């Protein structure tokens, strides 16, 4: 899985970056917490999965498409209502825009000859346009941003967050997660304790692949980009080890002697707009998506 799957071949070569920015400018002129990610075999997130999936379903239902690559969270604001909703949007959307669903299946030849086939084809083209436009905005608004640098940062955050969850370090997690993900992780930690897990060991053998697979922008008002957020979805392919112990130091889950191949899809979020507070101008984990296609 690589950048070509997300944006097409033009984003896979550095010399084409300017072309992507130009394309995005022309497009602009013309024109979605927690489920599968930390499942290490018997993963230590297992106790919180059912609640997280229900929460994910509510969040994902509120995403929608909008012009200029933006999705205004009007429905979510209407549901939560009043000043509280506006404040939530100001600090973080706390929902995932058009969450990544995995690579679409190939269209049959007959799709060229049906209205439904052309409709599906146009939706896919529009999705790629949104990817390109989002990355162009990130390059424009984030100093010295590069795809390679971001993937390196994402891999570092993956390790820091995973280790902090294993050790139950809520203070560290507070600076790395959005409020909604932090709430879910705290729920995980409580469930872990109630399940008799007093100590968790986690380690990363290797980070085998880091791929950017999806990119979206969100703004409460599509005509006002001063409160815009970028959400970039990264696929991690890695080899990890995990085990958990009870109060008597008896292993109750996992086995560190057996490395496990893990595929994870994490959404990183950063404020881009000038009206957002400075603490929003840093990347944080906004969601860990269920395995696409499952």
Protein backbone atom coordinates (compact mmCIF):
# COMPACT_ATOMS: atom_id res chain seq x y z
CA UNK A 1 0.00 0.00 0.00
CA UNK A 2 1.48 3.36 -0.97
CA UNK A 3 0.78 6.95 -1.90
CA UNK A 4 -0.06 5.99 -5.47
CA UNK A 5 -3.17 4.20 -4.25
CA UNK A 6 -4.36 7.35 -2.48
CA UNK A 7 -3.63 10.14 -4.94
CA UNK A 8 -2.50 8.48 -8.14
CA UNK A 9 1.04 8.33 -9.56
CA UNK A 10 1.60 12.10 -9.46
CA UNK A 11 2.14 12.14 -5.69
CA UNK A 12 4.67 9.32 -5.66
CA UNK A 13 7.55 11.38 -7.09
CA UNK A 14 9.00 14.47 -5.43
CA UNK A 15 9.47 16.30 -8.74
CA UNK A 16 5.72 16.25 -9.22
CA UNK A 17 4.90 18.11 -5.99
CA UNK A 18 4.55 21.44 -7.80
CA UNK A 19 2.22 19.80 -10.31
CA UNK A 20 0.04 18.58 -7.42
CA UNK A 21 -0.07 22.06 -5.92
CA UNK A 22 -1.05 23.53 -9.29
CA UNK A 23 -3.72 20.86 -9.73
CA UNK A 24 -5.06 21.60 -6.27
CA UNK A 25 -5.23 25.33 -7.00
CA UNK A 26 -7.21 24.63 -10.16
CA UNK A 27 -9.53 22.31 -8.25
CA UNK A 28 -10.08 24.99 -5.64
CA UNK A 29 -10.86 27.58 -8.27
CA UNK A 30 -13.24 25.16 -10.03
CA UNK A 31 -14.82 23.76 -7.30
CA UNK A 32 -13.84 10.09 10.40
CA UNK A 33 -11.95 6.44 17.49
CA UNK A 34 -11.22 3.27 18.51
CA UNK A 35 -11.74 -0.20 17.21
CA UNK A 36 -9.05 -2.40 15.71
CA UNK A 37 -5.78 -0.64 16.10
CA UNK A 38 -4.12 -2.03 19.20
CA UNK A 39 -5.18 -5.64 18.75
CA UNK A 40 -1.87 -7.44 19.19
CA UNK A 41 -3.09 -11.00 18.87
CA UNK A 42 -5.10 -10.89 22.10
CA UNK A 43 -4.50 -7.11 22.12
CA UNK A 44 -4.82 -5.14 25.31
CA UNK A 45 -7.56 -2.96 23.78
CA UNK A 46 -9.86 -5.99 23.48
CA UNK A 47 -11.93 -5.15 26.56
CA UNK A 48 -13.02 -1.81 25.12
CA UNK A 49 -13.70 -2.82 21.51
CA UNK A 50 -17.48 -3.24 21.59
CA UNK A 51 -18.08 0.16 23.18
CA UNK A 52 -15.61 1.79 20.82
CA UNK A 53 -17.23 0.26 17.76
CA UNK A 54 -20.61 1.63 18.80
CA UNK A 55 -19.03 5.05 19.32
CA UNK A 56 -17.30 4.83 15.95
CA UNK A 57 -20.59 4.06 14.22
CA UNK A 58 -22.14 7.24 15.60
CA UNK A 59 -19.15 9.35 14.64
CA UNK A 60 -18.77 7.99 11.13
CA UNK A 61 -22.43 8.56 10.36
CA UNK A 62 -22.01 12.31 10.75
CA UNK A 63 -19.34 12.80 8.06
CA UNK A 64 -20.36 14.15 4.65
CA UNK A 65 -19.04 15.76 1.47
CA UNK A 66 -18.81 19.46 0.77
CA UNK A 67 -17.40 21.78 -1.86
CA UNK A 68 -13.73 22.75 -2.02
CA UNK A 69 -12.63 19.60 -0.27
CA UNK A 70 -14.19 20.60 3.05
CA UNK A 71 -16.82 18.91 5.17
CA UNK A 72 -18.68 21.30 7.50
CA UNK A 73 -19.86 19.29 10.53
CA UNK A 74 -23.28 20.93 10.52
CA UNK A 75 -25.17 17.75 11.40
CA UNK A 76 -22.87 17.00 14.32
CA UNK A 77 -23.22 20.57 15.57
CA UNK A 78 -26.99 20.38 15.32
CA UNK A 79 -27.06 17.11 17.26
CA UNK A 80 -24.93 18.41 20.12
CA UNK A 81 -26.45 21.88 19.91
CA UNK A 82 -25.65 25.30 21.28
CA UNK A 83 -22.40 26.88 22.34
CA UNK A 84 -21.00 23.54 23.50
CA UNK A 85 -20.94 22.29 19.92
CA UNK A 86 -19.19 25.41 18.67
CA UNK A 87 -16.57 25.12 21.38
CA UNK A 88 -15.95 21.44 20.49
CA UNK A 89 -15.43 22.35 16.85
CA UNK A 90 -13.11 25.21 17.83
CA UNK A 91 -10.75 22.89 19.71
CA UNK A 92 -11.26 19.71 17.67
CA UNK A 93 -13.98 18.40 15.35
CA UNK A 94 -14.09 15.20 17.46
CA UNK A 95 -15.41 13.28 14.46
CA UNK A 96 -13.79 11.74 11.40
CA UNK A 97 -14.59 13.12 7.97
CA UNK A 98 -15.40 10.46 5.36
CA UNK A 99 -13.32 7.78 7.13
CA UNK A 100 -11.11 5.53 5.06
CA UNK A 101 -12.92 2.37 3.94
CA UNK A 102 -10.06 0.62 2.16
CA UNK A 103 -9.20 0.55 -1.56
CA UNK A 104 -12.33 0.34 -3.71
CA UNK A 105 -12.85 -2.81 -5.80
CA UNK A 106 -12.26 -2.54 -9.55
CA UNK A 107 -15.29 -1.48 -11.56
CA UNK A 108 -16.68 -3.90 -14.13
CA UNK A 109 -16.51 -3.05 -17.83
CA UNK A 110 -20.29 -2.59 -17.80
CA UNK A 111 -19.85 0.45 -15.49
CA UNK A 112 -18.85 2.49 -18.56
CA UNK A 113 -22.34 2.04 -19.95
CA UNK A 114 -24.58 2.73 -16.92
CA UNK A 115 -25.53 5.88 -15.03
CA UNK A 116 -24.70 4.18 -11.72
CA UNK A 117 -21.29 3.20 -13.04
CA UNK A 118 -20.47 6.79 -14.02
CA UNK A 119 -21.76 8.04 -10.68
CA UNK A 120 -19.42 5.66 -8.84
CA UNK A 121 -16.53 6.61 -11.10
CA UNK A 122 -17.11 10.33 -10.42
CA UNK A 123 -17.21 9.75 -6.66
CA UNK A 124 -13.82 8.07 -6.83
CA UNK A 125 -12.37 10.91 -8.90
CA UNK A 126 -13.76 13.43 -6.42
CA UNK A 127 -12.19 11.49 -3.56
CA UNK A 128 -8.77 11.71 -5.20
CA UNK A 129 -9.29 15.43 -5.77
CA UNK A 130 -9.98 15.87 -2.06
CA UNK A 131 -6.80 13.96 -1.21
CA UNK A 132 -4.73 16.19 -3.47
CA UNK A 133 -6.33 19.40 -2.26
CA UNK A 134 -5.90 18.46 1.40
CA UNK A 135 -2.19 17.69 0.96
CA UNK A 136 -1.73 20.96 -0.93
CA UNK A 137 -3.32 22.88 1.95
CA UNK A 138 -1.14 21.08 4.49
CA UNK A 139 1.99 21.90 2.47
CA UNK A 140 0.89 25.52 2.28
CA UNK A 141 -0.06 26.00 5.94
CA UNK A 142 2.46 23.78 7.77
CA UNK A 143 6.03 25.07 7.65
CA UNK A 144 8.55 22.67 6.09
CA UNK A 145 5.97 19.91 5.76
CA UNK A 146 6.88 16.93 3.59
CA UNK A 147 5.28 13.54 3.10
CA UNK A 148 8.42 11.70 4.14
CA UNK A 149 8.84 13.84 7.25
CA UNK A 150 5.20 13.34 8.22
CA UNK A 151 5.40 9.56 7.86
CA UNK A 152 8.48 9.56 10.09
CA UNK A 153 6.62 11.67 12.67
CA UNK A 154 3.58 9.39 12.48
CA UNK A 155 5.75 6.32 13.11
CA UNK A 156 7.34 8.02 16.13
CA UNK A 157 3.92 8.96 17.50
CA UNK A 158 2.72 5.40 16.97
CA UNK A 159 5.50 4.12 19.19
CA UNK A 160 5.04 6.81 21.85
CA UNK A 161 1.26 6.35 22.02
CA UNK A 162 1.41 2.56 22.06
CA UNK A 163 4.00 2.56 24.83
CA UNK A 164 2.04 5.13 26.85
CA UNK A 165 -1.13 3.04 26.58
CA UNK A 166 0.79 -0.06 27.67
CA UNK A 167 2.16 1.75 30.73
CA UNK A 168 -1.11 3.60 31.43
CA UNK A 169 0.54 7.03 31.19
CA UNK A 170 -2.52 9.29 30.91
CA UNK A 171 -0.49 12.48 31.32
CA UNK A 172 1.61 11.72 28.25
CA UNK A 173 -1.42 10.60 26.26
CA UNK A 174 -3.19 13.90 26.99
CA UNK A 175 -0.67 15.67 24.73
CA UNK A 176 -0.84 13.11 21.93
CA UNK A 177 -4.57 12.36 21.58
CA UNK A 178 -7.69 14.34 20.83
CA UNK A 179 -10.24 14.51 23.63
CA UNK A 180 -12.48 11.83 22.13
CA UNK A 181 -9.65 9.31 21.73
CA UNK A 182 -8.31 10.11 25.20
CA UNK A 183 -11.74 9.37 26.66
CA UNK A 184 -11.84 6.00 24.91
CA UNK A 185 -8.31 5.11 26.00
CA UNK A 186 -9.11 5.94 29.63
CA UNK A 187 -12.11 3.65 29.32
CA UNK A 188 -9.77 0.95 28.02
CA UNK A 189 -7.41 1.40 30.94
CA UNK A 190 -10.26 1.10 33.45
CA UNK A 191 -11.56 -2.03 31.72
CA UNK A 192 -8.06 -3.45 31.75
CA UNK A 193 -7.78 -2.98 35.51
CA UNK A 194 -11.23 -4.46 36.07
CA UNK A 195 -10.17 -7.45 33.98
CA UNK A 196 -7.27 -8.11 36.33
CA UNK A 197 -4.46 -6.75 34.17
CA UNK A 198 -1.98 -5.03 36.49
CA UNK A 199 0.97 -4.84 34.11
CA UNK A 200 1.23 -4.71 30.32
CA UNK A 201 4.36 -5.18 28.25
CA UNK A 202 4.47 -3.94 24.66
CA UNK A 203 7.34 -3.66 22.21
CA UNK A 204 7.82 -2.94 18.52
CA UNK A 205 10.07 -5.34 16.62
CA UNK A 206 9.87 -3.48 13.33
CA UNK A 207 7.83 -0.87 11.51
CA UNK A 208 7.60 -2.54 8.12
CA UNK A 209 5.55 -0.01 6.17
CA UNK A 210 4.06 3.45 6.72
CA UNK A 211 1.63 4.62 4.02
CA UNK A 212 -0.57 7.68 3.67
CA UNK A 213 -3.87 6.34 2.35
CA UNK A 214 -6.45 9.09 2.88
CA UNK A 215 -6.64 12.86 3.44
CA UNK A 216 -9.55 15.15 4.23
CA UNK A 217 -10.19 18.73 5.40
CA UNK A 218 -12.91 19.89 7.74
CA UNK A 219 -14.16 23.38 8.55
CA UNK A 220 -17.31 24.46 10.42
CA UNK A 221 -17.94 26.91 7.59
CA UNK A 222 -16.67 25.89 4.15
CA UNK A 223 -16.28 29.58 3.19
CA UNK A 224 -14.12 30.30 6.23
CA UNK A 225 -10.85 28.37 6.30
CA UNK A 226 -9.59 30.06 9.48
CA UNK A 227 -10.91 27.14 11.57
CA UNK A 228 -9.98 24.31 9.20
CA UNK A 229 -8.55 20.96 10.34
CA UNK A 230 -6.63 18.39 8.29
CA UNK A 231 -7.11 14.67 8.92
CA UNK A 232 -4.54 12.30 7.41
CA UNK A 233 -5.00 8.53 7.62
CA UNK A 234 -1.86 6.41 7.90
CA UNK A 235 -1.62 2.66 7.48
CA UNK A 236 1.01 1.01 9.67
CA UNK A 237 2.29 -2.47 8.89
CA UNK A 238 4.44 -3.64 11.79
CA UNK A 239 5.64 -6.53 13.90
CA UNK A 240 4.84 -6.22 17.61
CA UNK A 241 5.03 -8.16 20.88
CA UNK A 242 2.54 -7.96 23.71
CA UNK A 243 1.68 -9.65 26.99
CA UNK A 244 -0.33 -8.78 30.10
CA UNK A 245 0.05 -9.93 33.71
CA UNK A 246 -2.19 -10.06 36.76
CA UNK A 247 -1.37 -9.07 40.35
CA UNK A 248 0.42 -12.39 40.92
CA UNK A 249 2.60 -11.73 37.87
CA UNK A 250 0.86 -14.49 35.95
CA UNK A 251 0.54 -13.92 32.21
CA UNK A 252 -3.15 -13.57 31.34
CA UNK A 253 -2.97 -12.38 27.72
CA UNK A 254 -0.53 -12.27 24.84
CA UNK A 255 2.92 -13.82 24.60
CA UNK A 256 6.02 -11.69 24.12
CA UNK A 257 7.91 -14.70 22.75
CA UNK A 258 5.63 -14.71 19.70
CA UNK A 259 5.85 -11.62 17.47
CA UNK A 260 2.62 -10.67 15.70
CA UNK A 261 2.13 -8.94 12.34
CA UNK A 262 -0.28 -6.04 12.81
CA UNK A 263 -2.06 -3.75 10.33
CA UNK A 264 -3.37 -0.49 11.81
CA UNK A 265 -5.12 2.58 10.39
CA UNK A 266 -4.66 5.74 12.43
CA UNK A 267 -6.09 9.19 11.68
CA UNK A 268 -3.85 12.13 12.62
CA UNK A 269 -5.40 15.57 12.95
CA UNK A 270 -3.95 19.08 12.95
CA UNK A 271 -5.51 22.52 12.95
CA UNK A 272 -4.57 24.65 9.93
CA UNK A 273 -6.69 27.75 10.41
CA UNK A 274 -5.29 30.98 11.80
CA UNK A 275 -8.26 31.40 14.18
CA UNK A 276 -7.45 28.17 16.02
CA UNK A 277 -5.50 28.24 19.30
CA UNK A 278 -1.79 27.46 19.04
CA UNK A 279 -2.15 24.11 20.83
CA UNK A 280 -4.27 22.91 17.90
CA UNK A 281 -1.38 23.51 15.49
CA UNK A 282 0.22 20.16 16.21
CA UNK A 283 -0.53 16.63 15.07
CA UNK A 284 -2.60 14.45 17.40
CA UNK A 285 -4.23 11.05 17.05
CA UNK A 286 -7.91 11.58 16.22
CA UNK A 287 -9.02 7.96 15.63
CA UNK A 288 -7.90 4.39 15.21
CA UNK A 289 -10.07 2.86 12.52
CA UNK A 290 -11.36 -0.66 12.22
CA UNK A 291 -9.74 -2.79 9.53
CA UNK A 292 -11.19 -1.57 6.20
CA UNK A 293 -13.37 -4.19 4.60
CA UNK A 294 -14.12 -6.01 7.88
